[in-house]
PDB file of all heavy atoms in Angstrom:
ATOM      1  N   VAL A   1      -3.777   4.261  15.177  1.00  0.00           N
ATOM      2  CA  VAL A   1      -4.763   3.377  14.441  1.00  0.00           C
ATOM      3  C   VAL A   1      -4.051   2.751  13.273  1.00  0.00           C
ATOM      4  O   VAL A   1      -3.282   3.495  12.530  1.00  0.00           O
ATOM      5  CB  VAL A   1      -5.917   4.269  13.826  1.00  0.00           C
ATOM      6  CG1 VAL A   1      -6.861   3.450  12.992  1.00  0.00           C
ATOM      7  CG2 VAL A   1      -6.657   4.949  14.976  1.00  0.00           C
ATOM      8  N   LEU A   2      -4.100   1.404  13.171  1.00  0.00           N
ATOM      9  CA  LEU A   2      -3.356   0.699  12.094  1.00  0.00           C
ATOM     10  C   LEU A   2      -4.467   0.170  11.220  1.00  0.00           C
ATOM     11  O   LEU A   2      -5.383  -0.459  11.643  1.00  0.00           O
ATOM     12  CB  LEU A   2      -2.703  -0.460  12.648  1.00  0.00           C
ATOM     13  CG  LEU A   2      -1.449  -0.087  13.615  1.00  0.00           C
ATOM     14  CD1 LEU A   2      -0.912  -1.348  14.211  1.00  0.00           C
ATOM     15  CD2 LEU A   2      -0.398   0.634  12.932  1.00  0.00           C
ATOM     16  N   ILE A   3      -4.382   0.485   9.940  1.00  0.00           N
ATOM     17  CA  ILE A   3      -5.347   0.072   8.889  1.00  0.00           C
ATOM     18  C   ILE A   3      -4.696  -1.045   7.980  1.00  0.00           C
ATOM     19  O   ILE A   3      -3.806  -0.641   7.302  1.00  0.00           O
ATOM     20  CB  ILE A   3      -5.879   1.189   8.041  1.00  0.00           C
ATOM     21  CG1 ILE A   3      -6.407   2.369   8.946  1.00  0.00           C
ATOM     22  CG2 ILE A   3      -6.977   0.710   7.052  1.00  0.00           C
ATOM     23  CD1 ILE A   3      -6.885   3.578   8.168  1.00  0.00           C
ATOM     24  N   ASP A   4      -5.284  -2.182   8.070  1.00  0.00           N
ATOM     25  CA  ASP A   4      -4.762  -3.276   7.184  1.00  0.00           C
ATOM     26  C   ASP A   4      -5.486  -3.192   5.854  1.00  0.00           C
ATOM     27  O   ASP A   4      -6.687  -3.531   5.859  1.00  0.00           O
ATOM     28  CB  ASP A   4      -4.926  -4.659   7.851  1.00  0.00           C
ATOM     29  CG  ASP A   4      -4.217  -5.770   7.066  1.00  0.00           C
ATOM     30  OD1 ASP A   4      -3.232  -5.524   6.479  1.00  0.00           O
ATOM     31  OD2 ASP A   4      -4.755  -6.925   7.202  1.00  0.00           O
ATOM     32  N   CYS A   5      -4.799  -2.834   4.802  1.00  0.00           N
ATOM     33  CA  CYS A   5      -5.452  -2.641   3.477  1.00  0.00           C
ATOM     34  C   CYS A   5      -5.357  -3.856   2.661  1.00  0.00           C
ATOM     35  O   CYS A   5      -4.462  -4.648   2.806  1.00  0.00           O
ATOM     36  CB  CYS A   5      -4.767  -1.481   2.818  1.00  0.00           C
ATOM     37  SG  CYS A   5      -4.679   0.028   3.625  1.00  0.00           S
ATOM     38  N   PRO A   6      -6.338  -3.978   1.697  1.00  0.00           N
ATOM     39  CA  PRO A   6      -6.210  -5.066   0.649  1.00  0.00           C
ATOM     40  C   PRO A   6      -5.074  -4.784  -0.318  1.00  0.00           C
ATOM     41  O   PRO A   6      -4.672  -3.560  -0.409  1.00  0.00           O
ATOM     42  CB  PRO A   6      -7.560  -4.983   0.017  1.00  0.00           C
ATOM     43  CG  PRO A   6      -8.132  -3.659   0.291  1.00  0.00           C
ATOM     44  CD  PRO A   6      -7.567  -3.159   1.505  1.00  0.00           C
ATOM     45  N   PRO A   7      -4.548  -5.803  -0.913  1.00  0.00           N
ATOM     46  CA  PRO A   7      -3.418  -5.604  -1.886  1.00  0.00           C
ATOM     47  C   PRO A   7      -3.846  -5.101  -3.198  1.00  0.00           C
ATOM     48  O   PRO A   7      -3.582  -5.714  -4.267  1.00  0.00           O
ATOM     49  CB  PRO A   7      -2.838  -6.993  -1.916  1.00  0.00           C
ATOM     50  CG  PRO A   7      -3.985  -7.890  -1.697  1.00  0.00           C
ATOM     51  CD  PRO A   7      -4.957  -7.206  -0.702  1.00  0.00           C
ATOM     52  N   SER A   8      -4.479  -3.987  -3.299  1.00  0.00           N
ATOM     53  CA  SER A   8      -4.919  -3.383  -4.503  1.00  0.00           C
ATOM     54  C   SER A   8      -5.138  -1.896  -4.338  1.00  0.00           C
ATOM     55  O   SER A   8      -5.073  -1.307  -3.293  1.00  0.00           O
ATOM     56  CB  SER A   8      -6.282  -3.948  -5.000  1.00  0.00           C
ATOM     57  OG  SER A   8      -7.336  -3.583  -4.077  1.00  0.00           O
ATOM     58  N   LEU A   9      -5.152  -1.216  -5.485  1.00  0.00           N
ATOM     59  CA  LEU A   9      -5.404   0.283  -5.460  1.00  0.00           C
ATOM     60  C   LEU A   9      -6.853   0.621  -5.789  1.00  0.00           C
ATOM     61  O   LEU A   9      -7.125   1.550  -6.471  1.00  0.00           O
ATOM     62  CB  LEU A   9      -4.450   0.996  -6.391  1.00  0.00           C
ATOM     63  CG  LEU A   9      -4.441   2.519  -6.228  1.00  0.00           C
ATOM     64  CD1 LEU A   9      -4.093   2.964  -4.869  1.00  0.00           C
ATOM     65  CD2 LEU A   9      -3.375   3.113  -7.206  1.00  0.00           C
ATOM     66  N   ASN A  10      -7.772  -0.219  -5.300  1.00  0.00           N
ATOM     67  CA  ASN A  10      -9.197   0.087  -5.532  1.00  0.00           C
ATOM     68  C   ASN A  10      -9.734   0.872  -4.341  1.00  0.00           C
ATOM     69  O   ASN A  10      -8.985   1.493  -3.647  1.00  0.00           O
ATOM     70  CB  ASN A  10      -9.936  -1.255  -5.660  1.00  0.00           C
ATOM     71  CG  ASN A  10      -9.717  -1.871  -7.026  1.00  0.00           C
ATOM     72  OD1 ASN A  10      -9.561  -1.195  -8.061  1.00  0.00           O
ATOM     73  ND2 ASN A  10      -9.706  -3.161  -7.148  1.00  0.00           N
ATOM     74  N   GLY A  11     -10.983   0.964  -4.219  1.00  0.00           N
ATOM     75  CA  GLY A  11     -11.666   1.810  -3.258  1.00  0.00           C
ATOM     76  C   GLY A  11     -11.199   1.738  -1.868  1.00  0.00           C
ATOM     77  O   GLY A  11     -11.099   2.745  -1.156  1.00  0.00           O
ATOM     78  N   LEU A  12     -11.107   0.577  -1.334  1.00  0.00           N
ATOM     79  CA  LEU A  12     -10.736   0.381   0.033  1.00  0.00           C
ATOM     80  C   LEU A  12      -9.413   0.981   0.453  1.00  0.00           C
ATOM     81  O   LEU A  12      -9.269   1.708   1.435  1.00  0.00           O
ATOM     82  CB  LEU A  12     -10.889  -1.081   0.527  1.00  0.00           C
ATOM     83  CG  LEU A  12     -12.270  -1.657   0.549  1.00  0.00           C
ATOM     84  CD1 LEU A  12     -12.261  -3.189   0.852  1.00  0.00           C
ATOM     85  CD2 LEU A  12     -13.126  -1.007   1.557  1.00  0.00           C
ATOM     86  N   THR A  13      -8.381   0.696  -0.368  1.00  0.00           N
ATOM     87  CA  THR A  13      -7.052   1.300  -0.185  1.00  0.00           C
ATOM     88  C   THR A  13      -7.152   2.793  -0.135  1.00  0.00           C
ATOM     89  O   THR A  13      -6.585   3.505   0.597  1.00  0.00           O
ATOM     90  CB  THR A  13      -6.039   0.660  -1.108  1.00  0.00           C
ATOM     91  OG1 THR A  13      -5.841  -0.693  -0.893  1.00  0.00           O
ATOM     92  CG2 THR A  13      -4.631   1.388  -0.949  1.00  0.00           C
ATOM     93  N   ARG A  14      -7.819   3.350  -1.207  1.00  0.00           N
ATOM     94  CA  ARG A  14      -7.972   4.760  -1.355  1.00  0.00           C
ATOM     95  C   ARG A  14      -8.678   5.329  -0.177  1.00  0.00           C
ATOM     96  O   ARG A  14      -8.409   6.491   0.244  1.00  0.00           O
ATOM     97  CB  ARG A  14      -8.504   5.020  -2.689  1.00  0.00           C
ATOM     98  CG  ARG A  14      -7.623   4.694  -3.867  1.00  0.00           C
ATOM     99  CD  ARG A  14      -8.313   4.619  -5.189  1.00  0.00           C
ATOM    100  NE  ARG A  14      -8.747   5.963  -5.599  1.00  0.00           N
ATOM    101  CZ  ARG A  14      -9.913   6.190  -6.192  1.00  0.00           C
ATOM    102  NH1 ARG A  14     -10.802   5.306  -6.254  1.00  0.00           N
ATOM    103  NH2 ARG A  14     -10.244   7.425  -6.504  1.00  0.00           N
ATOM    104  N   MET A  15      -9.747   4.668   0.289  1.00  0.00           N
ATOM    105  CA  MET A  15     -10.432   5.141   1.438  1.00  0.00           C
ATOM    106  C   MET A  15      -9.498   5.155   2.669  1.00  0.00           C
ATOM    107  O   MET A  15      -9.639   6.162   3.479  1.00  0.00           O
ATOM    108  CB  MET A  15     -11.654   4.104   1.610  1.00  0.00           C
ATOM    109  CG  MET A  15     -12.728   4.577   2.649  1.00  0.00           C
ATOM    110  SD  MET A  15     -13.961   3.380   2.868  1.00  0.00           S
ATOM    111  CE  MET A  15     -14.786   3.374   1.294  1.00  0.00           C
ATOM    112  N   ALA A  16      -8.687   4.110   2.836  1.00  0.00           N
ATOM    113  CA  ALA A  16      -7.734   4.118   4.007  1.00  0.00           C
ATOM    114  C   ALA A  16      -6.775   5.236   3.876  1.00  0.00           C
ATOM    115  O   ALA A  16      -6.442   5.926   4.853  1.00  0.00           O
ATOM    116  CB  ALA A  16      -7.014   2.722   3.971  1.00  0.00           C
ATOM    117  N   TRP A  17      -6.195   5.557   2.691  1.00  0.00           N
ATOM    118  CA  TRP A  17      -5.268   6.644   2.519  1.00  0.00           C
ATOM    119  C   TRP A  17      -5.902   7.915   2.820  1.00  0.00           C
ATOM    120  O   TRP A  17      -5.207   8.818   3.386  1.00  0.00           O
ATOM    121  CB  TRP A  17      -4.690   6.543   1.054  1.00  0.00           C
ATOM    122  CG  TRP A  17      -3.832   5.400   0.745  1.00  0.00           C
ATOM    123  CD1 TRP A  17      -3.464   4.416   1.665  1.00  0.00           C
ATOM    124  CD2 TRP A  17      -3.126   5.144  -0.434  1.00  0.00           C
ATOM    125  NE1 TRP A  17      -2.574   3.497   1.026  1.00  0.00           N
ATOM    126  CE2 TRP A  17      -2.378   3.981  -0.272  1.00  0.00           C
ATOM    127  CE3 TRP A  17      -3.142   5.729  -1.676  1.00  0.00           C
ATOM    128  CZ2 TRP A  17      -1.644   3.358  -1.315  1.00  0.00           C
ATOM    129  CZ3 TRP A  17      -2.356   5.163  -2.667  1.00  0.00           C
ATOM    130  CH2 TRP A  17      -1.645   4.045  -2.463  1.00  0.00           C
ATOM    131  N   THR A  18      -7.106   8.074   2.423  1.00  0.00           N
ATOM    132  CA  THR A  18      -7.816   9.358   2.706  1.00  0.00           C
ATOM    133  C   THR A  18      -7.890   9.615   4.230  1.00  0.00           C
ATOM    134  O   THR A  18      -7.800  10.683   4.662  1.00  0.00           O
ATOM    135  CB  THR A  18      -9.223   9.340   2.123  1.00  0.00           C
ATOM    136  OG1 THR A  18      -9.154   9.209   0.694  1.00  0.00           O
ATOM    137  CG2 THR A  18      -9.913  10.649   2.403  1.00  0.00           C
ATOM    138  N   ALA A  19      -8.137   8.524   4.963  1.00  0.00           N
ATOM    139  CA  ALA A  19      -8.249   8.651   6.492  1.00  0.00           C
ATOM    140  C   ALA A  19      -6.955   8.715   7.219  1.00  0.00           C
ATOM    141  O   ALA A  19      -6.947   8.959   8.396  1.00  0.00           O
ATOM    142  CB  ALA A  19      -9.148   7.439   6.942  1.00  0.00           C
ATOM    143  N   SER A  20      -5.872   8.461   6.535  1.00  0.00           N
ATOM    144  CA  SER A  20      -4.545   8.292   7.190  1.00  0.00           C
ATOM    145  C   SER A  20      -3.691   9.492   7.226  1.00  0.00           C
ATOM    146  O   SER A  20      -3.762  10.417   6.348  1.00  0.00           O
ATOM    147  CB  SER A  20      -3.757   7.142   6.484  1.00  0.00           C
ATOM    148  OG  SER A  20      -4.452   5.942   6.617  1.00  0.00           O
ATOM    149  N   ASN A  21      -2.817   9.540   8.219  1.00  0.00           N
ATOM    150  CA  ASN A  21      -1.654  10.530   8.232  1.00  0.00           C
ATOM    151  C   ASN A  21      -0.480  10.048   7.425  1.00  0.00           C
ATOM    152  O   ASN A  21       0.199  10.790   6.752  1.00  0.00           O
ATOM    153  CB  ASN A  21      -1.202  10.796   9.669  1.00  0.00           C
ATOM    154  CG  ASN A  21      -2.269  11.094  10.644  1.00  0.00           C
ATOM    155  OD1 ASN A  21      -2.575  10.373  11.508  1.00  0.00           O
ATOM    156  ND2 ASN A  21      -2.947  12.241  10.405  1.00  0.00           N
ATOM    157  N   ARG A  22      -0.286   8.647   7.417  1.00  0.00           N
ATOM    158  CA  ARG A  22       0.865   8.143   6.827  1.00  0.00           C
ATOM    159  C   ARG A  22       0.621   6.738   6.241  1.00  0.00           C
ATOM    160  O   ARG A  22      -0.365   6.021   6.681  1.00  0.00           O
ATOM    161  CB  ARG A  22       2.033   7.934   7.900  1.00  0.00           C
ATOM    162  CG  ARG A  22       2.267   9.197   8.721  1.00  0.00           C
ATOM    163  CD  ARG A  22       3.234   8.982   9.869  1.00  0.00           C
ATOM    164  NE  ARG A  22       4.610   8.835   9.350  1.00  0.00           N
ATOM    165  CZ  ARG A  22       5.624   8.599  10.220  1.00  0.00           C
ATOM    166  NH1 ARG A  22       5.428   8.336  11.417  1.00  0.00           N
ATOM    167  NH2 ARG A  22       6.859   8.561   9.617  1.00  0.00           N
ATOM    168  N   VAL A  23       1.397   6.408   5.277  1.00  0.00           N
ATOM    169  CA  VAL A  23       1.309   5.057   4.627  1.00  0.00           C
ATOM    170  C   VAL A  23       2.574   4.291   4.856  1.00  0.00           C
ATOM    171  O   VAL A  23       3.625   4.816   4.466  1.00  0.00           O
ATOM    172  CB  VAL A  23       0.940   5.145   3.145  1.00  0.00           C
ATOM    173  CG1 VAL A  23       0.860   3.771   2.467  1.00  0.00           C
ATOM    174  CG2 VAL A  23      -0.346   5.857   2.874  1.00  0.00           C
ATOM    175  N   LEU A  24       2.534   3.140   5.360  1.00  0.00           N
ATOM    176  CA  LEU A  24       3.645   2.306   5.525  1.00  0.00           C
ATOM    177  C   LEU A  24       3.569   1.154   4.496  1.00  0.00           C
ATOM    178  O   LEU A  24       2.651   0.432   4.461  1.00  0.00           O
ATOM    179  CB  LEU A  24       3.733   1.565   6.971  1.00  0.00           C
ATOM    180  CG  LEU A  24       4.879   0.695   7.236  1.00  0.00           C
ATOM    181  CD1 LEU A  24       6.198   1.433   7.301  1.00  0.00           C
ATOM    182  CD2 LEU A  24       4.664  -0.101   8.566  1.00  0.00           C
ATOM    183  N   LEU A  25       4.578   1.085   3.590  1.00  0.00           N
ATOM    184  CA  LEU A  25       4.638   0.072   2.527  1.00  0.00           C
ATOM    185  C   LEU A  25       5.339  -1.220   3.035  1.00  0.00           C
ATOM    186  O   LEU A  25       6.330  -1.090   3.664  1.00  0.00           O
ATOM    187  CB  LEU A  25       5.241   0.621   1.349  1.00  0.00           C
ATOM    188  CG  LEU A  25       4.597   1.987   0.797  1.00  0.00           C
ATOM    189  CD1 LEU A  25       5.345   2.445  -0.387  1.00  0.00           C
ATOM    190  CD2 LEU A  25       3.102   1.759   0.539  1.00  0.00           C
ATOM    191  N   VAL A  26       4.855  -2.332   2.493  1.00  0.00           N
ATOM    192  CA  VAL A  26       5.491  -3.608   2.740  1.00  0.00           C
ATOM    193  C   VAL A  26       5.994  -4.242   1.520  1.00  0.00           C
ATOM    194  O   VAL A  26       5.165  -4.328   0.570  1.00  0.00           O
ATOM    195  CB  VAL A  26       4.525  -4.575   3.561  1.00  0.00           C
ATOM    196  CG1 VAL A  26       5.248  -5.802   3.935  1.00  0.00           C
ATOM    197  CG2 VAL A  26       4.060  -3.859   4.854  1.00  0.00           C
ATOM    198  N   ALA A  27       7.200  -4.734   1.484  1.00  0.00           N
ATOM    199  CA  ALA A  27       7.688  -5.443   0.287  1.00  0.00           C
ATOM    200  C   ALA A  27       8.623  -6.558   0.695  1.00  0.00           C
ATOM    201  O   ALA A  27       9.276  -6.574   1.729  1.00  0.00           O
ATOM    202  CB  ALA A  27       8.460  -4.416  -0.577  1.00  0.00           C
ATOM    203  N   GLU A  28       8.628  -7.542  -0.153  1.00  0.00           N
ATOM    204  CA  GLU A  28       9.647  -8.542  -0.054  1.00  0.00           C
ATOM    205  C   GLU A  28      10.850  -8.264  -1.004  1.00  0.00           C
ATOM    206  O   GLU A  28      10.650  -7.508  -2.035  1.00  0.00           O
ATOM    207  CB  GLU A  28       9.126  -9.875  -0.535  1.00  0.00           C
ATOM    208  CG  GLU A  28       8.246 -10.677   0.563  1.00  0.00           C
ATOM    209  CD  GLU A  28       7.860 -11.939  -0.024  1.00  0.00           C
ATOM    210  OE1 GLU A  28       7.445 -12.189  -1.175  1.00  0.00           O
ATOM    211  OE2 GLU A  28       7.904 -12.934   0.815  1.00  0.00           O
ATOM    212  N   PRO A  29      12.023  -8.639  -0.705  1.00  0.00           N
ATOM    213  CA  PRO A  29      13.241  -8.334  -1.535  1.00  0.00           C
ATOM    214  C   PRO A  29      13.220  -9.312  -2.750  1.00  0.00           C
ATOM    215  O   PRO A  29      14.084 -10.189  -2.941  1.00  0.00           O
ATOM    216  CB  PRO A  29      14.374  -8.651  -0.620  1.00  0.00           C
ATOM    217  CG  PRO A  29      13.947  -9.618   0.400  1.00  0.00           C
ATOM    218  CD  PRO A  29      12.501  -9.348   0.563  1.00  0.00           C
ATOM    219  N   GLY A  30      12.180  -9.122  -3.632  1.00  0.00           N
ATOM    220  CA  GLY A  30      12.042  -9.915  -4.893  1.00  0.00           C
ATOM    221  C   GLY A  30      11.680  -8.949  -5.973  1.00  0.00           C
ATOM    222  O   GLY A  30      11.154  -7.842  -5.801  1.00  0.00           O
ATOM    223  N   LEU A  31      11.948  -9.391  -7.197  1.00  0.00           N
ATOM    224  CA  LEU A  31      11.811  -8.520  -8.373  1.00  0.00           C
ATOM    225  C   LEU A  31      10.358  -7.921  -8.519  1.00  0.00           C
ATOM    226  O   LEU A  31      10.168  -6.723  -8.603  1.00  0.00           O
ATOM    227  CB  LEU A  31      12.108  -9.301  -9.644  1.00  0.00           C
ATOM    228  CG  LEU A  31      11.779  -8.546 -10.980  1.00  0.00           C
ATOM    229  CD1 LEU A  31      12.575  -7.283 -11.083  1.00  0.00           C
ATOM    230  CD2 LEU A  31      12.123  -9.460 -12.166  1.00  0.00           C
ATOM    231  N   PHE A  32       9.343  -8.832  -8.369  1.00  0.00           N
ATOM    232  CA  PHE A  32       7.962  -8.318  -8.583  1.00  0.00           C
ATOM    233  C   PHE A  32       7.514  -7.448  -7.437  1.00  0.00           C
ATOM    234  O   PHE A  32       6.741  -6.456  -7.701  1.00  0.00           O
ATOM    235  CB  PHE A  32       6.998  -9.548  -8.772  1.00  0.00           C
ATOM    236  CG  PHE A  32       7.380 -10.403  -9.914  1.00  0.00           C
ATOM    237  CD1 PHE A  32       7.315 -11.840  -9.774  1.00  0.00           C
ATOM    238  CD2 PHE A  32       7.790  -9.916 -11.143  1.00  0.00           C
ATOM    239  CE1 PHE A  32       7.712 -12.655 -10.902  1.00  0.00           C
ATOM    240  CE2 PHE A  32       8.069 -10.693 -12.176  1.00  0.00           C
ATOM    241  CZ  PHE A  32       8.016 -12.089 -12.065  1.00  0.00           C
ATOM    242  N   SER A  33       7.972  -7.739  -6.291  1.00  0.00           N
ATOM    243  CA  SER A  33       7.560  -6.951  -5.104  1.00  0.00           C
ATOM    244  C   SER A  33       8.224  -5.598  -5.096  1.00  0.00           C
ATOM    245  O   SER A  33       7.591  -4.543  -4.870  1.00  0.00           O
ATOM    246  CB  SER A  33       8.003  -7.689  -3.859  1.00  0.00           C
ATOM    247  OG  SER A  33       7.562  -6.973  -2.687  1.00  0.00           O
ATOM    248  N   VAL A  34       9.459  -5.567  -5.528  1.00  0.00           N
ATOM    249  CA  VAL A  34      10.113  -4.206  -5.655  1.00  0.00           C
ATOM    250  C   VAL A  34       9.460  -3.396  -6.718  1.00  0.00           C
ATOM    251  O   VAL A  34       9.259  -2.211  -6.496  1.00  0.00           O
ATOM    252  CB  VAL A  34      11.666  -4.511  -6.017  1.00  0.00           C
ATOM    253  CG1 VAL A  34      12.421  -3.070  -6.234  1.00  0.00           C
ATOM    254  CG2 VAL A  34      12.378  -5.200  -4.798  1.00  0.00           C
ATOM    255  N   ALA A  35       9.100  -3.966  -7.841  1.00  0.00           N
ATOM    256  CA  ALA A  35       8.448  -3.230  -8.844  1.00  0.00           C
ATOM    257  C   ALA A  35       7.129  -2.838  -8.383  1.00  0.00           C
ATOM    258  O   ALA A  35       6.657  -1.663  -8.697  1.00  0.00           O
ATOM    259  CB  ALA A  35       8.320  -4.145 -10.144  1.00  0.00           C
ATOM    260  N   GLY A  36       6.412  -3.590  -7.602  1.00  0.00           N
ATOM    261  CA  GLY A  36       5.115  -3.269  -7.128  1.00  0.00           C
ATOM    262  C   GLY A  36       5.213  -2.054  -6.130  1.00  0.00           C
ATOM    263  O   GLY A  36       4.370  -1.244  -6.034  1.00  0.00           O
ATOM    264  N   THR A  37       6.295  -2.056  -5.333  1.00  0.00           N
ATOM    265  CA  THR A  37       6.543  -1.026  -4.395  1.00  0.00           C
ATOM    266  C   THR A  37       6.734   0.303  -5.052  1.00  0.00           C
ATOM    267  O   THR A  37       6.246   1.444  -4.701  1.00  0.00           O
ATOM    268  CB  THR A  37       7.728  -1.234  -3.475  1.00  0.00           C
ATOM    269  OG1 THR A  37       7.448  -2.489  -2.825  1.00  0.00           O
ATOM    270  CG2 THR A  37       7.946  -0.169  -2.454  1.00  0.00           C
ATOM    271  N   GLU A  38       7.470   0.299  -6.193  1.00  0.00           N
ATOM    272  CA  GLU A  38       7.721   1.533  -7.060  1.00  0.00           C
ATOM    273  C   GLU A  38       6.433   2.055  -7.602  1.00  0.00           C
ATOM    274  O   GLU A  38       6.147   3.244  -7.601  1.00  0.00           O
ATOM    275  CB  GLU A  38       8.739   1.230  -8.080  1.00  0.00           C
ATOM    276  CG  GLU A  38       9.177   2.416  -8.888  1.00  0.00           C
ATOM    277  CD  GLU A  38      10.245   2.127  -9.921  1.00  0.00           C
ATOM    278  OE1 GLU A  38      10.282   1.048 -10.412  1.00  0.00           O
ATOM    279  OE2 GLU A  38      11.085   3.033 -10.170  1.00  0.00           O
ATOM    280  N   ARG A  39       5.509   1.106  -8.036  1.00  0.00           N
ATOM    281  CA  ARG A  39       4.235   1.516  -8.510  1.00  0.00           C
ATOM    282  C   ARG A  39       3.424   2.195  -7.415  1.00  0.00           C
ATOM    283  O   ARG A  39       2.728   3.133  -7.621  1.00  0.00           O
ATOM    284  CB  ARG A  39       3.421   0.327  -9.124  1.00  0.00           C
ATOM    285  CG  ARG A  39       4.003  -0.256 -10.468  1.00  0.00           C
ATOM    286  CD  ARG A  39       3.071  -1.109 -11.086  1.00  0.00           C
ATOM    287  NE  ARG A  39       2.618  -2.216 -10.254  1.00  0.00           N
ATOM    288  CZ  ARG A  39       3.294  -3.433 -10.253  1.00  0.00           C
ATOM    289  NH1 ARG A  39       4.374  -3.580 -11.011  1.00  0.00           N
ATOM    290  NH2 ARG A  39       2.833  -4.406  -9.502  1.00  0.00           N
ATOM    291  N   THR A  40       3.489   1.582  -6.261  1.00  0.00           N
ATOM    292  CA  THR A  40       2.787   2.116  -5.070  1.00  0.00           C
ATOM    293  C   THR A  40       3.190   3.486  -4.746  1.00  0.00           C
ATOM    294  O   THR A  40       2.370   4.370  -4.422  1.00  0.00           O
ATOM    295  CB  THR A  40       2.815   1.216  -3.871  1.00  0.00           C
ATOM    296  OG1 THR A  40       2.512  -0.113  -4.153  1.00  0.00           O
ATOM    297  CG2 THR A  40       1.958   1.632  -2.744  1.00  0.00           C
ATOM    298  N   MET A  41       4.518   3.747  -4.757  1.00  0.00           N
ATOM    299  CA  MET A  41       5.088   5.083  -4.501  1.00  0.00           C
ATOM    300  C   MET A  41       4.474   6.082  -5.483  1.00  0.00           C
ATOM    301  O   MET A  41       4.119   7.230  -5.100  1.00  0.00           O
ATOM    302  CB  MET A  41       6.586   5.026  -4.553  1.00  0.00           C
ATOM    303  CG  MET A  41       7.207   4.236  -3.494  1.00  0.00           C
ATOM    304  SD  MET A  41       7.110   5.005  -1.833  1.00  0.00           S
ATOM    305  CE  MET A  41       8.217   6.433  -2.130  1.00  0.00           C
TER     306      MET A  41
END
């Protein structure tokens, strides 16, 4: 099962994480995206 989440840490993403075994993070090799990935971790 693949869950395409919205790009935020509001209810839908948290709902998806609750239902998941694993989280796959996506990032571009750019400053803001790398910083965003660190926040997501």
